[in-house]
Every structure is written in structure tokens, then in C-alpha cells.
Amino acid sequence: MLDATNLPIAFENTRLRPLSELDADAYAAGTKDEAVRRFAHLPEPDYTPESVRRMIREEVATGLSSGTLAVLALGDAETDRFVGSLVLFDVSPEAAEVGFWIHPDARGDGHARRGLELASRFARSSGLRTLTARTLPENKVSQHCLTTAGFREAGRSVGVTPAGQREELFHYQRDLVPTAQWPLVTERLQLRLHETGDVTWLHNLYSQPDVARYLLDEPWTMDVTRDKLTERLSKTDLDGEADALALVIEHEGNAIGDVALWLTDKEYRQGEIGWVLDPAHGGQGFASEAVRAVLALGFDHYHLHRITAQMDARNSASAALANRVGLRLEAHHVQDWFSKGEWTDTLIYARLASEHMSQ
């Protein structure tokens, strides 16, 4: 069941909180919008401020109290202004369905995507394992919001909407609980999933010119960092919807870098690994320790057949690390990648499961 004591929660400039009677005027006005009326599948044909306040006092309060229904508000994190609504319904001990709509005055600001991420975190903190959603085939905006928030398309069928209409619907699903256990603990490190509060240290790391020198990206701005973090928040399981795992490297409680593992061929169990360590913590073997742990996770837990690593050939530190952790140099491609105004070489390292087993 849903646990309302976990509210409110915020992500960047969006807050997910209980619906308040102070939201009634904005809620009722938003439901008059043509797109909301077409796509939100609201159970009532018409809403007035009075009917919204009554709904909040009765159905909404009862649902939150019992944990079986959460009709929530999306608010601007700074002003708390109502920007939309999000509802979790058909709640079971394992799963719930999510629906959402954005007030026309607040569209284009990313509140839907962030709201879906907050809904996933609220559901996960309540003990749910799966979040589902349905949308009409022509609602491309909703489909884009769902996929960028880590949902995957799970099928199509004709079904009954919350408004009681039979429609062809696209079904989406997000798995909330990864199959591996976190944090992954090594001798000196903890490897954990990304959290919404990681934006500051990520920006401090990836905004350094020396760090970005051999990466494909320019040094990150704060806006780029927020977008990158949003992507990483959905990368929680190699066998989940993102086919990827993004982990933070922590030493003595401090984030010092990250390591990622992602599938390049799901059917034949092949993956790729990448890593970045803050230069301030270099020379102590932290990156090697983290990469060895993730390689073992890839082979032992996810049963990968092969893991590769690609890097700029000028990045001698990463090449040395690849050798130390048992990756084998397979190729040196000459001037195969045009990066930051010049042609660069690429080194390809790899390791097979059979090599890992014989170690």
C-alpha cells in the first residue's frame, strides 16, 4: 500500500505532495483544457472548485489514509504553485498504475518527466515493485515523458479508461526494484545507484576540463548535469527497462567517481563498461577496485558472455587500468572518431566470461 508519510518529495524544481484545497481553483481550471479533457481520462465529466474541494476532503483523503489511492499535486518547488496532478491507483501490494496531467500554463518546463520520476520514488519507498501506465496512441507527448522517465512499452490492447471509455491503449511499465542488491561493497568502497541529490558532485567532477579531455562530451554545465543525472536515475538494472547500470563510487561516504555497465547485445549477453574517477583521488587503486567489482557483477550476476571497454587511445591512465583489471587489448582503430575538432584513435579492450572464470 502507498505510504503518504513519504510525502512531500522534490526533484529539481518539481515537488510531489498531497493535493490541497488551496489547489482547487487551479485544478478545476486545468481540467477545462482540451488536451487534459482528451488525454487525462478523468473520472468526472466536469470539475468546479467546489467539487474539487469536496473530492479532496472525501475520496482523496480516504485514499491516502488507506494507501489505496493517491491523488497528488505537482507543484513548483520554489513557489509551491500547482502545475499539475498525478494519481496512483489500482494499488496492490506489488504494483500501481500512474496517470498525470499538466496545467496548460506549466507545460514545457519538464514537470511531467520529473513528476513521473517522483512517482516512481514514492511507489518504491512504499514497497511497490512495479509502476504501470496507459496512454492513447496519439498522445505522443505522454509516450515521450514515460520513456524518458524510465518506462518501457509493454504492449497494446483495447481497455477501459478511468473515465469508463473503451479505447485502444499503449501500456507502459517501470520496474522499481533492481535484481542486484545495493550498495555493492568492496574492501574500501561502496558502489550505489544514483540519487537525485548527486547533481552537485557530478557537476564538480564532469565540469573539470582535465576530466572531460578524453570523453565525448565537453565539460558539463549545470543544465547538462541535471539532464545526465535524470538519465542515470533510470539505469538501475542491466535486465531492467534501461538495459544499463550506473553506479556511484563512494569512499568513506564521499562520491569520488562513477562506473557504468550497459548491454550492447541483450540476446547474446554482451555488454560494455566505462568509468570516471575524480583526479583528486587518483593513484590509490580506487578505480581498479570499482571496475573489478562491476566486471564480476557482469559475469557472475548478469551472466554476460563478453564485456568490452572503449577509450581514446591518448588516455594512457584508462588503458593502464584496463590492463590491470584483466581486460585484453583487441584493437587499435586509427583516426576512427572525430572528437572535439580532431580525428582520434580508439582502443578496444575486452574480456570473456571464460577468461573471468579461469582467473
Foldseek 3Di string as FASTA:
>chain_A
DFALVVDWDDFVFKTKHADDLVCLQLAQVQCVDPCCQVWQLDQDNHGHSVNVNVCCVPVQVVCNVVVAKHWIFMAGNPPRHTFWIKMWHPDDLAETEITIDTRPVNPPPCSLLRVLLSVLVSCVVRNYFKYKYKTAPVPVVVVVSQVLNQKDFDDWDWDAGSNGDTGIITMIMFTNDEPDDAQDDDPFKTKGADDSPCLVVQLVQQQDQVQCVWPQDGRDDSVRSSSVSSNRNNAPYCPTSQVKHKIFIDGPRHTFWIKMKGDPDVVQQEIEIDITGRPVPPPPCSVLRVVLSVVCCSCVVVVHFKYKYKTFPVPVVVVVSCVVSPWAWDDKAFQPDQGPHGGTIMIMTMDGSVNVVVD
